[in-house]
Amino acid sequence: IQIYPRPVVTATVLPAGGVLCSGDVVDIQLSSNVPGAIFSWTSSSATVTGHSSSVVGSTDTFINQTLVLNSGVTGTGEVVYAIVAEANGCVGETVFVTISVIPIPDVTVTGDGQTICSGDTTNISFDGTVNNTVYTWVVQSSTGVSGASNGSGSSIAQVLETTGLSQGVVVYQVTPSLIGGVGTPATITVYVKPSPQQFGDPNHPELCSADGNINANSTTNIGFSSFYPNTTFTWVSTSYGVSGATSGSVTGSSVLIADILYTTANAVGYVDYVITPDLNGCSGAS
């Protein structure tokens, strides 16, 4: 009487760990302790397509199948392969191999194409349909702007400043990833408008009241300038015991406030002027 051993299946799974991204190929190499063993298997899954059972009469020693998550599945799917080996009329124990299929992450961007003023903070956020997605971004280009840097997270909040006299632009590229699965990157553009800087002396010498003697010693002659010819200088005055102070605005590369001031009582008065430059909706320091 000849006694044959029951063949034992050894299944070597690639990638190791049995976790792959939707659309990848699973590779299960089959071997046995009994030479010449023939393998057969069945497959089952409620969330993944692309798997199939073995063909009757096949002598394959591997399983190579492209596994794809069903449409609408945002979590991890599973395929279970039940594999047996047969040799010399003896069938071995069933070996079960479970393959996990993770979704390809996506990204939805809020804040693309925004325009900010120099010195402001970007307001860009990311979201997607796949839980636990990791978002990383790189600065693809930065023209006339400083402050942009690579990073990761669910938002980009960076202080950007122009380095010249014209509008700058930064282009970020954000990529979603999950356990080795990489989704389609998204490109984000941020425009940075310059904020005008004004130059002048905020200190002013004392004046004499213009009562009966209007001259340079009773005129403010407050001058400020900017690099930008289209700057709008707006000033607001607050008087204390003084008349003649004005509020107003002027557009150009400079402003001259020439108010003739009068005291309204027999005491020293003063005027506070607050001057603010503005350029294309971006305000500079007052």
C-alpha atoms as a PDB file:
ATOM      1  CA  ILE A   1       0.000   0.000   0.000  1.00  0.00           C
ATOM      2  CA  GLN A   2       1.423   3.379  -0.988  1.00  0.00           C
ATOM      3  CA  ILE A   3       0.619   6.288   1.310  1.00  0.00           C
ATOM      4  CA  TYR A   4       0.930   9.759  -0.248  1.00  0.00           C
ATOM      5  CA  PRO A   5       1.241  12.947   1.818  1.00  0.00           C
ATOM      6  CA  ARG A   6      -1.414  15.588   1.554  1.00  0.00           C
ATOM      7  CA  PRO A   7       0.141  18.627  -0.145  1.00  0.00           C
ATOM      8  CA  VAL A   8       0.505  21.791   1.906  1.00  0.00           C
ATOM      9  CA  VAL A   9       0.053  25.174   0.176  1.00  0.00           C
ATOM     10  CA  THR A  10       2.629  27.912   0.730  1.00  0.00           C
ATOM     11  CA  ALA A  11       1.339  31.279  -0.518  1.00  0.00           C
ATOM     12  CA  THR A  12       3.857  34.110  -0.869  1.00  0.00           C
ATOM     13  CA  VAL A  13       2.027  37.426  -1.271  1.00  0.00           C
ATOM     14  CA  LEU A  14       3.380  40.498  -3.029  1.00  0.00           C
ATOM     15  CA  PRO A  15       3.205  43.237  -1.985  1.00  0.00           C
ATOM     16  CA  ALA A  16       4.219  41.980   1.445  1.00  0.00           C
ATOM     17  CA  GLY A  17       1.413  42.287   3.960  1.00  0.00           C
ATOM     18  CA  GLY A  18      -1.268  41.884   1.331  1.00  0.00           C
ATOM     19  CA  VAL A  19      -2.164  45.584   1.146  1.00  0.00           C
ATOM     20  CA  LEU A  20      -2.356  47.301  -2.229  1.00  0.00           C
ATOM     21  CA  CYS A  21      -3.955  50.315  -3.839  1.00  0.00           C
ATOM     22  CA  SER A  22      -7.016  50.113  -6.024  1.00  0.00           C
ATOM     23  CA  GLY A  23      -5.898  49.338  -9.556  1.00  0.00           C
ATOM     24  CA  ASP A  24      -2.703  47.557  -8.527  1.00  0.00           C
ATOM     25  CA  VAL A  25      -1.851  43.934  -9.310  1.00  0.00           C
ATOM     26  CA  VAL A  26      -1.742  41.308  -6.578  1.00  0.00           C
ATOM     27  CA  ASP A  27       0.932  38.640  -6.986  1.00  0.00           C
ATOM     28  CA  ILE A  28       0.498  35.412  -5.007  1.00  0.00           C
ATOM     29  CA  GLN A  29       3.183  32.826  -5.672  1.00  0.00           C
ATOM     30  CA  LEU A  30       2.081  29.245  -4.901  1.00  0.00           C
ATOM     31  CA  SER A  31       4.276  26.359  -3.888  1.00  0.00           C
ATOM     32  CA  SER A  32       3.917  23.069  -2.024  1.00  0.00           C
ATOM     33  CA  ASN A  33       5.918  20.495  -0.082  1.00  0.00           C
ATOM     34  CA  VAL A  34       4.854  17.902  -2.661  1.00  0.00           C
ATOM     35  CA  PRO A  35       6.486  18.279  -6.078  1.00  0.00           C
ATOM     36  CA  GLY A  36       4.097  18.556  -9.013  1.00  0.00           C
ATOM     37  CA  ALA A  37       1.137  19.710  -6.908  1.00  0.00           C
ATOM     38  CA  ILE A  38      -1.675  21.405  -8.806  1.00  0.00           C
ATOM     39  CA  PHE A  39      -3.328  24.445  -7.285  1.00  0.00           C
ATOM     40  CA  SER A  40      -6.896  25.672  -7.472  1.00  0.00           C
ATOM     41  CA  TRP A  41      -8.657  28.506  -5.729  1.00  0.00           C
ATOM     42  CA  THR A  42     -11.859  30.417  -5.353  1.00  0.00           C
ATOM     43  CA  SER A  43     -12.160  34.156  -4.678  1.00  0.00           C
ATOM     44  CA  SER A  44     -14.838  36.267  -3.068  1.00  0.00           C
ATOM     45  CA  SER A  45     -15.411  39.943  -2.327  1.00  0.00           C
ATOM     46  CA  ALA A  46     -18.352  42.288  -1.916  1.00  0.00           C
ATOM     47  CA  THR A  47     -16.353  45.472  -2.498  1.00  0.00           C
ATOM     48  CA  VAL A  48     -13.674  44.645  -5.084  1.00  0.00           C
ATOM     49  CA  THR A  49     -13.748  43.647  -8.745  1.00  0.00           C
ATOM     50  CA  GLY A  50     -11.035  42.059 -10.877  1.00  0.00           C
ATOM     51  CA  HIS A  51     -10.639  38.858  -8.853  1.00  0.00           C
ATOM     52  CA  SER A  52     -11.570  35.444 -10.212  1.00  0.00           C
ATOM     53  CA  SER A  53     -11.364  31.765  -9.336  1.00  0.00           C
ATOM     54  CA  SER A  54      -8.994  29.323 -10.991  1.00  0.00           C
ATOM     55  CA  VAL A  55      -9.819  27.641 -14.279  1.00  0.00           C
ATOM     56  CA  VAL A  56     -10.412  23.880 -14.212  1.00  0.00           C
ATOM     57  CA  GLY A  57      -7.327  22.087 -15.475  1.00  0.00           C
ATOM     58  CA  SER A  58      -5.008  25.063 -14.934  1.00  0.00           C
ATOM     59  CA  THR A  59      -1.438  24.371 -13.878  1.00  0.00           C
ATOM     60  CA  ASP A  60      -0.739  27.948 -12.788  1.00  0.00           C
ATOM     61  CA  THR A  61       1.504  28.384  -9.779  1.00  0.00           C
ATOM     62  CA  PHE A  62       0.636  32.025  -9.263  1.00  0.00           C
ATOM     63  CA  ILE A  63      -2.302  34.396  -8.979  1.00  0.00           C
ATOM     64  CA  ASN A  64      -1.856  37.711 -10.824  1.00  0.00           C
ATOM     65  CA  GLN A  65      -4.987  39.846 -10.817  1.00  0.00           C
ATOM     66  CA  THR A  66      -5.702  43.576 -11.007  1.00  0.00           C
ATOM     67  CA  LEU A  67      -7.957  44.493  -8.089  1.00  0.00           C
ATOM     68  CA  VAL A  68     -10.189  47.562  -8.236  1.00  0.00           C
ATOM     69  CA  LEU A  69     -12.510  48.929  -5.571  1.00  0.00           C
ATOM     70  CA  ASN A  70     -16.143  49.177  -6.549  1.00  0.00           C
ATOM     71  CA  SER A  71     -17.391  52.639  -7.424  1.00  0.00           C
ATOM     72  CA  GLY A  72     -18.453  54.594  -4.355  1.00  0.00           C
ATOM     73  CA  VAL A  73     -16.372  52.570  -1.900  1.00  0.00           C
ATOM     74  CA  THR A  74     -14.270  54.999   0.172  1.00  0.00           C
ATOM     75  CA  GLY A  75     -12.995  52.510   2.731  1.00  0.00           C
ATOM     76  CA  THR A  76     -10.710  49.488   2.495  1.00  0.00           C
ATOM     77  CA  GLY A  77     -12.043  46.541   0.510  1.00  0.00           C
ATOM     78  CA  GLU A  78     -11.046  42.908   0.864  1.00  0.00           C
ATOM     79  CA  VAL A  79     -10.653  39.907  -1.405  1.00  0.00           C
ATOM     80  CA  VAL A  80     -10.412  36.430   0.129  1.00  0.00           C
ATOM     81  CA  TYR A  81      -8.724  33.665  -1.835  1.00  0.00           C
ATOM     82  CA  ALA A  82      -9.324  30.043  -0.706  1.00  0.00           C
ATOM     83  CA  ILE A  83      -6.437  27.973  -2.109  1.00  0.00           C
ATOM     84  CA  VAL A  84      -5.938  24.203  -2.121  1.00  0.00           C
ATOM     85  CA  ALA A  85      -3.258  21.945  -3.536  1.00  0.00           C
ATOM     86  CA  GLU A  86      -3.756  18.496  -5.021  1.00  0.00           C
ATOM     87  CA  ALA A  87      -1.137  15.825  -5.723  1.00  0.00           C
ATOM     88  CA  ASN A  88      -1.408  12.088  -6.328  1.00  0.00           C
ATOM     89  CA  GLY A  89      -5.159  12.273  -5.803  1.00  0.00           C
ATOM     90  CA  CYS A  90      -4.723  13.830  -2.337  1.00  0.00           C
ATOM     91  CA  VAL A  91      -6.161  17.258  -1.552  1.00  0.00           C
ATOM     92  CA  GLY A  92      -4.535  19.335   1.186  1.00  0.00           C
ATOM     93  CA  GLU A  93      -5.982  21.769   3.694  1.00  0.00           C
ATOM     94  CA  THR A  94      -7.491  25.011   2.380  1.00  0.00           C
ATOM     95  CA  VAL A  95      -5.299  28.074   2.865  1.00  0.00           C
ATOM     96  CA  PHE A  96      -7.063  31.431   3.047  1.00  0.00           C
ATOM     97  CA  VAL A  97      -5.284  34.584   1.829  1.00  0.00           C
ATOM     98  CA  THR A  98      -6.889  37.974   2.456  1.00  0.00           C
ATOM     99  CA  ILE A  99      -5.886  40.932   0.297  1.00  0.00           C
ATOM    100  CA  SER A 100      -6.760  44.459   1.450  1.00  0.00           C
ATOM    101  CA  VAL A 101      -7.440  47.034  -1.271  1.00  0.00           C
ATOM    102  CA  ILE A 102      -7.263  50.680  -0.226  1.00  0.00           C
ATOM    103  CA  PRO A 103      -8.863  53.494  -2.215  1.00  0.00           C
ATOM    104  CA  ILE A 104      -6.840  55.969  -4.235  1.00  0.00           C
ATOM    105  CA  PRO A 105      -7.107  59.250  -2.268  1.00  0.00           C
ATOM    106  CA  ASP A 106      -8.399  62.428  -3.857  1.00  0.00           C
ATOM    107  CA  VAL A 107      -8.182  66.081  -2.913  1.00  0.00           C
ATOM    108  CA  THR A 108     -10.580  69.010  -3.091  1.00  0.00           C
ATOM    109  CA  VAL A 109      -9.022  72.444  -2.657  1.00  0.00           C
ATOM    110  CA  THR A 110     -10.678  75.534  -1.198  1.00  0.00           C
ATOM    111  CA  GLY A 111      -8.890  78.822  -1.810  1.00  0.00           C
ATOM    112  CA  ASP A 112      -7.321  78.301  -5.224  1.00  0.00           C
ATOM    113  CA  GLY A 113      -6.811  81.520  -7.194  1.00  0.00           C
ATOM    114  CA  GLN A 114      -7.120  83.804  -4.193  1.00  0.00           C
ATOM    115  CA  THR A 115      -5.540  87.264  -4.165  1.00  0.00           C
ATOM    116  CA  ILE A 116      -4.059  88.611  -0.946  1.00  0.00           C
ATOM    117  CA  CYS A 117      -2.117  91.690   0.064  1.00  0.00           C
ATOM    118  CA  SER A 118       1.557  91.551   0.924  1.00  0.00           C
ATOM    119  CA  GLY A 119       1.938  90.568   4.573  1.00  0.00           C
ATOM    120  CA  ASP A 120      -1.391  88.714   4.693  1.00  0.00           C
ATOM    121  CA  THR A 121      -1.833  84.992   5.402  1.00  0.00           C
ATOM    122  CA  THR A 122      -3.002  82.479   2.819  1.00  0.00           C
ATOM    123  CA  ASN A 123      -6.299  80.711   3.494  1.00  0.00           C
ATOM    124  CA  ILE A 124      -6.104  77.383   1.658  1.00  0.00           C
ATOM    125  CA  SER A 125      -7.673  74.153   2.915  1.00  0.00           C
ATOM    126  CA  PHE A 126      -7.845  70.552   1.652  1.00  0.00           C
ATOM    127  CA  ASP A 127     -10.440  67.824   1.885  1.00  0.00           C
ATOM    128  CA  GLY A 128     -11.233  64.517   0.195  1.00  0.00           C
ATOM    129  CA  THR A 129     -13.575  61.559   0.176  1.00  0.00           C
ATOM    130  CA  VAL A 130     -11.075  59.078   1.672  1.00  0.00           C
ATOM    131  CA  ASN A 131     -10.503  59.077   5.422  1.00  0.00           C
ATOM    132  CA  ASN A 132      -6.976  59.413   6.841  1.00  0.00           C
ATOM    133  CA  THR A 133      -5.586  60.891   3.646  1.00  0.00           C
ATOM    134  CA  VAL A 134      -2.248  62.665   4.089  1.00  0.00           C
ATOM    135  CA  TYR A 135      -1.798  65.906   2.135  1.00  0.00           C
ATOM    136  CA  THR A 136       1.653  67.219   1.273  1.00  0.00           C
ATOM    137  CA  TRP A 137       2.505  70.235  -0.826  1.00  0.00           C
ATOM    138  CA  VAL A 138       5.532  71.684  -2.571  1.00  0.00           C
ATOM    139  CA  VAL A 139       6.162  75.165  -3.920  1.00  0.00           C
ATOM    140  CA  GLN A 140       6.314  74.697  -7.681  1.00  0.00           C
ATOM    141  CA  SER A 141       7.222  78.313  -8.317  1.00  0.00           C
ATOM    142  CA  SER A 142       7.420  81.623  -6.493  1.00  0.00           C
ATOM    143  CA  THR A 143       7.801  84.827  -8.486  1.00  0.00           C
ATOM    144  CA  GLY A 144       8.283  88.117  -6.677  1.00  0.00           C
ATOM    145  CA  VAL A 145       7.113  86.607  -3.370  1.00  0.00           C
ATOM    146  CA  SER A 146       8.807  85.446  -0.175  1.00  0.00           C
ATOM    147  CA  GLY A 147       7.407  83.284   2.622  1.00  0.00           C
ATOM    148  CA  ALA A 148       6.194  80.243   0.653  1.00  0.00           C
ATOM    149  CA  SER A 149       7.498  76.847   1.799  1.00  0.00           C
ATOM    150  CA  ASN A 150       6.810  73.112   1.444  1.00  0.00           C
ATOM    151  CA  GLY A 151       4.786  71.298   4.090  1.00  0.00           C
ATOM    152  CA  SER A 152       2.010  68.897   4.970  1.00  0.00           C
ATOM    153  CA  GLY A 153      -1.349  69.054   6.709  1.00  0.00           C
ATOM    154  CA  SER A 154      -4.910  69.982   5.886  1.00  0.00           C
ATOM    155  CA  SER A 155      -4.328  73.681   5.142  1.00  0.00           C
ATOM    156  CA  ILE A 156      -1.737  76.197   3.955  1.00  0.00           C
ATOM    157  CA  ALA A 157      -1.570  79.283   6.177  1.00  0.00           C
ATOM    158  CA  GLN A 158       1.593  81.153   5.219  1.00  0.00           C
ATOM    159  CA  VAL A 159       2.442  84.851   5.403  1.00  0.00           C
ATOM    160  CA  LEU A 160       3.458  85.964   1.914  1.00  0.00           C
ATOM    161  CA  GLU A 161       5.174  89.224   1.036  1.00  0.00           C
ATOM    162  CA  THR A 162       6.049  90.800  -2.291  1.00  0.00           C
ATOM    163  CA  THR A 163       9.727  91.358  -2.970  1.00  0.00           C
ATOM    164  CA  GLY A 164       9.291  93.988  -5.682  1.00  0.00           C
ATOM    165  CA  LEU A 165       6.988  96.758  -6.817  1.00  0.00           C
ATOM    166  CA  SER A 166       4.625  94.540  -8.820  1.00  0.00           C
ATOM    167  CA  GLN A 167       2.210  91.718  -8.082  1.00  0.00           C
ATOM    168  CA  GLY A 168       3.812  88.369  -7.246  1.00  0.00           C
ATOM    169  CA  VAL A 169       2.495  84.844  -7.635  1.00  0.00           C
ATOM    170  CA  VAL A 170       3.046  81.522  -5.860  1.00  0.00           C
ATOM    171  CA  VAL A 171       2.093  78.117  -7.268  1.00  0.00           C
ATOM    172  CA  TYR A 172       1.698  75.192  -4.861  1.00  0.00           C
ATOM    173  CA  GLN A 173       1.136  71.548  -5.783  1.00  0.00           C
ATOM    174  CA  VAL A 174      -0.678  69.409  -3.210  1.00  0.00           C
ATOM    175  CA  THR A 175      -0.653  65.608  -3.407  1.00  0.00           C
ATOM    176  CA  PRO A 176      -2.990  63.225  -1.518  1.00  0.00           C
ATOM    177  CA  SER A 177      -1.557  59.896  -0.344  1.00  0.00           C
ATOM    178  CA  LEU A 178      -2.663  56.943   1.773  1.00  0.00           C
ATOM    179  CA  ILE A 179      -0.542  53.901   2.690  1.00  0.00           C
ATOM    180  CA  GLY A 180       1.421  54.008  -0.533  1.00  0.00           C
ATOM    181  CA  GLY A 181      -1.513  55.021  -2.703  1.00  0.00           C
ATOM    182  CA  VAL A 182      -0.984  58.391  -4.381  1.00  0.00           C
ATOM    183  CA  GLY A 183      -3.833  60.385  -5.847  1.00  0.00           C
ATOM    184  CA  THR A 184      -3.853  63.012  -8.582  1.00  0.00           C
ATOM    185  CA  PRO A 185      -2.098  66.216  -7.456  1.00  0.00           C
ATOM    186  CA  ALA A 186      -3.868  69.575  -7.498  1.00  0.00           C
ATOM    187  CA  THR A 187      -2.291  72.920  -8.409  1.00  0.00           C
ATOM    188  CA  ILE A 188      -3.025  76.023  -6.333  1.00  0.00           C
ATOM    189  CA  THR A 189      -2.215  79.583  -7.400  1.00  0.00           C
ATOM    190  CA  VAL A 190      -2.035  82.544  -5.019  1.00  0.00           C
ATOM    191  CA  TYR A 191      -1.598  86.135  -6.197  1.00  0.00           C
ATOM    192  CA  VAL A 192       0.082  88.613  -3.855  1.00  0.00           C
ATOM    193  CA  LYS A 193      -0.480  92.339  -4.376  1.00  0.00           C
ATOM    194  CA  PRO A 194       2.085  94.802  -3.008  1.00  0.00           C
ATOM    195  CA  SER A 195       1.126  96.954  -0.041  1.00  0.00           C
ATOM    196  CA  PRO A 196       2.411 100.534  -0.316  1.00  0.00           C
ATOM    197  CA  GLN A 197       5.010 101.815   2.101  1.00  0.00           C
ATOM    198  CA  GLN A 198       5.073 105.521   2.808  1.00  0.00           C
ATOM    199  CA  PHE A 199       8.115 107.593   3.609  1.00  0.00           C
ATOM    200  CA  GLY A 200       8.165 110.787   5.609  1.00  0.00           C
ATOM    201  CA  ASP A 201       8.862 112.193   9.052  1.00  0.00           C
ATOM    202  CA  PRO A 202       6.035 111.634  11.548  1.00  0.00           C
ATOM    203  CA  ASN A 203       7.534 114.287  13.825  1.00  0.00           C
ATOM    204  CA  HIS A 204       6.490 117.877  13.208  1.00  0.00           C
ATOM    205  CA  PRO A 205       7.802 121.146  14.674  1.00  0.00           C
ATOM    206  CA  GLU A 206       5.551 123.403  16.690  1.00  0.00           C
ATOM    207  CA  LEU A 207       3.546 126.012  14.780  1.00  0.00           C
ATOM    208  CA  CYS A 208       2.195 129.413  15.641  1.00  0.00           C
ATOM    209  CA  SER A 209      -1.488 130.191  15.322  1.00  0.00           C
ATOM    210  CA  ALA A 210      -2.265 131.912  12.024  1.00  0.00           C
ATOM    211  CA  ASP A 211      -4.245 134.732  13.700  1.00  0.00           C
ATOM    212  CA  GLY A 212      -3.518 137.814  11.595  1.00  0.00           C
ATOM    213  CA  ASN A 213      -0.186 136.449  10.380  1.00  0.00           C
ATOM    214  CA  ILE A 214      -0.504 133.601   7.867  1.00  0.00           C
ATOM    215  CA  ASN A 215       2.941 132.303   6.908  1.00  0.00           C
ATOM    216  CA  ALA A 216       5.001 129.138   6.733  1.00  0.00           C
ATOM    217  CA  ASN A 217       5.201 129.036  10.511  1.00  0.00           C
ATOM    218  CA  SER A 218       1.442 128.523  10.709  1.00  0.00           C
ATOM    219  CA  THR A 219       1.116 125.956   7.851  1.00  0.00           C
ATOM    220  CA  THR A 220       1.536 122.258   8.427  1.00  0.00           C
ATOM    221  CA  ASN A 221       3.324 121.252   5.183  1.00  0.00           C
ATOM    222  CA  ILE A 222       3.181 117.537   6.029  1.00  0.00           C
ATOM    223  CA  GLY A 223       4.739 115.502   3.203  1.00  0.00           C
ATOM    224  CA  PHE A 224       4.805 111.738   2.585  1.00  0.00           C
ATOM    225  CA  SER A 225       5.728 109.711  -0.495  1.00  0.00           C
ATOM    226  CA  SER A 226       5.618 106.168  -1.877  1.00  0.00           C
ATOM    227  CA  PHE A 227       7.358 104.151  -4.578  1.00  0.00           C
ATOM    228  CA  TYR A 228       3.996 103.493  -6.244  1.00  0.00           C
ATOM    229  CA  PRO A 229       2.605 106.335  -8.429  1.00  0.00           C
ATOM    230  CA  ASN A 230      -1.004 105.176  -7.983  1.00  0.00           C
ATOM    231  CA  THR A 231      -0.967 105.192  -4.194  1.00  0.00           C
ATOM    232  CA  THR A 232      -3.970 106.776  -2.510  1.00  0.00           C
ATOM    233  CA  PHE A 233      -3.029 108.673   0.651  1.00  0.00           C
ATOM    234  CA  THR A 234      -5.962 109.118   3.000  1.00  0.00           C
ATOM    235  CA  TRP A 235      -5.661 111.211   6.121  1.00  0.00           C
ATOM    236  CA  VAL A 236      -7.954 111.866   9.044  1.00  0.00           C
ATOM    237  CA  SER A 237      -7.359 114.743  11.460  1.00  0.00           C
ATOM    238  CA  THR A 238      -8.530 115.125  15.038  1.00  0.00           C
ATOM    239  CA  SER A 239      -8.218 118.600  16.544  1.00  0.00           C
ATOM    240  CA  TYR A 240      -7.847 119.645  20.171  1.00  0.00           C
ATOM    241  CA  GLY A 241      -8.190 123.385  20.651  1.00  0.00           C
ATOM    242  CA  VAL A 242      -7.331 124.015  17.007  1.00  0.00           C
ATOM    243  CA  SER A 243      -9.305 124.853  13.847  1.00  0.00           C
ATOM    244  CA  GLY A 244      -8.310 124.580  10.200  1.00  0.00           C
ATOM    245  CA  ALA A 245      -7.267 120.950  10.137  1.00  0.00           C
ATOM    246  CA  THR A 246      -8.612 118.924   7.229  1.00  0.00           C
ATOM    247  CA  SER A 247      -9.242 115.287   6.331  1.00  0.00           C
ATOM    248  CA  GLY A 248      -9.081 113.971   2.792  1.00  0.00           C
ATOM    249  CA  SER A 249      -7.299 111.832   0.245  1.00  0.00           C
ATOM    250  CA  VAL A 250      -5.134 112.214  -2.841  1.00  0.00           C
ATOM    251  CA  THR A 251      -3.786 109.756  -5.405  1.00  0.00           C
ATOM    252  CA  GLY A 252      -0.224 109.923  -6.662  1.00  0.00           C
ATOM    253  CA  SER A 253       3.298 109.186  -5.551  1.00  0.00           C
ATOM    254  CA  SER A 254       3.219 111.797  -2.760  1.00  0.00           C
ATOM    255  CA  VAL A 255       0.932 113.852  -0.561  1.00  0.00           C
ATOM    256  CA  LEU A 256       1.323 117.329   0.929  1.00  0.00           C
ATOM    257  CA  ILE A 257      -1.050 118.412   3.674  1.00  0.00           C
ATOM    258  CA  ALA A 258      -0.803 122.176   3.924  1.00  0.00           C
ATOM    259  CA  ASP A 259      -3.346 123.185   6.562  1.00  0.00           C
ATOM    260  CA  ILE A 260      -3.364 126.674   8.073  1.00  0.00           C
ATOM    261  CA  LEU A 261      -4.091 126.215  11.756  1.00  0.00           C
ATOM    262  CA  TYR A 262      -5.612 128.487  14.358  1.00  0.00           C
ATOM    263  CA  THR A 263      -5.870 128.061  18.079  1.00  0.00           C
ATOM    264  CA  THR A 264      -9.412 128.395  19.406  1.00  0.00           C
ATOM    265  CA  ALA A 265      -8.463 129.503  22.898  1.00  0.00           C
ATOM    266  CA  ASN A 266      -5.646 131.163  24.764  1.00  0.00           C
ATOM    267  CA  ALA A 267      -3.895 127.845  25.231  1.00  0.00           C
ATOM    268  CA  VAL A 268      -1.694 125.518  23.263  1.00  0.00           C
ATOM    269  CA  GLY A 269      -3.701 123.172  21.002  1.00  0.00           C
ATOM    270  CA  TYR A 270      -2.695 120.269  18.813  1.00  0.00           C
ATOM    271  CA  VAL A 271      -3.879 118.171  15.878  1.00  0.00           C
ATOM    272  CA  ASP A 272      -3.448 114.416  15.304  1.00  0.00           C
ATOM    273  CA  TYR A 273      -3.130 113.393  11.664  1.00  0.00           C
ATOM    274  CA  VAL A 274      -3.413 109.697  10.758  1.00  0.00           C
ATOM    275  CA  ILE A 275      -2.193 109.056   7.192  1.00  0.00           C
ATOM    276  CA  THR A 276      -2.766 105.677   5.492  1.00  0.00           C
ATOM    277  CA  PRO A 277      -1.513 104.643   2.047  1.00  0.00           C
ATOM    278  CA  ASP A 278      -3.606 102.300  -0.108  1.00  0.00           C
ATOM    279  CA  LEU A 279      -2.824 100.596  -3.402  1.00  0.00           C
ATOM    280  CA  ASN A 280      -5.328  98.433  -5.279  1.00  0.00           C
ATOM    281  CA  GLY A 281      -7.177  97.588  -2.090  1.00  0.00           C
ATOM    282  CA  CYS A 282      -4.036  96.900  -0.039  1.00  0.00           C
ATOM    283  CA  SER A 283      -3.321  99.267   2.817  1.00  0.00           C
ATOM    284  CA  GLY A 284       0.138 100.075   4.115  1.00  0.00           C
ATOM    285  CA  ALA A 285       1.128 101.024   7.641  1.00  0.00           C
ATOM    286  CA  SER A 286      -0.478 104.235   8.913  1.00  0.00           C
END
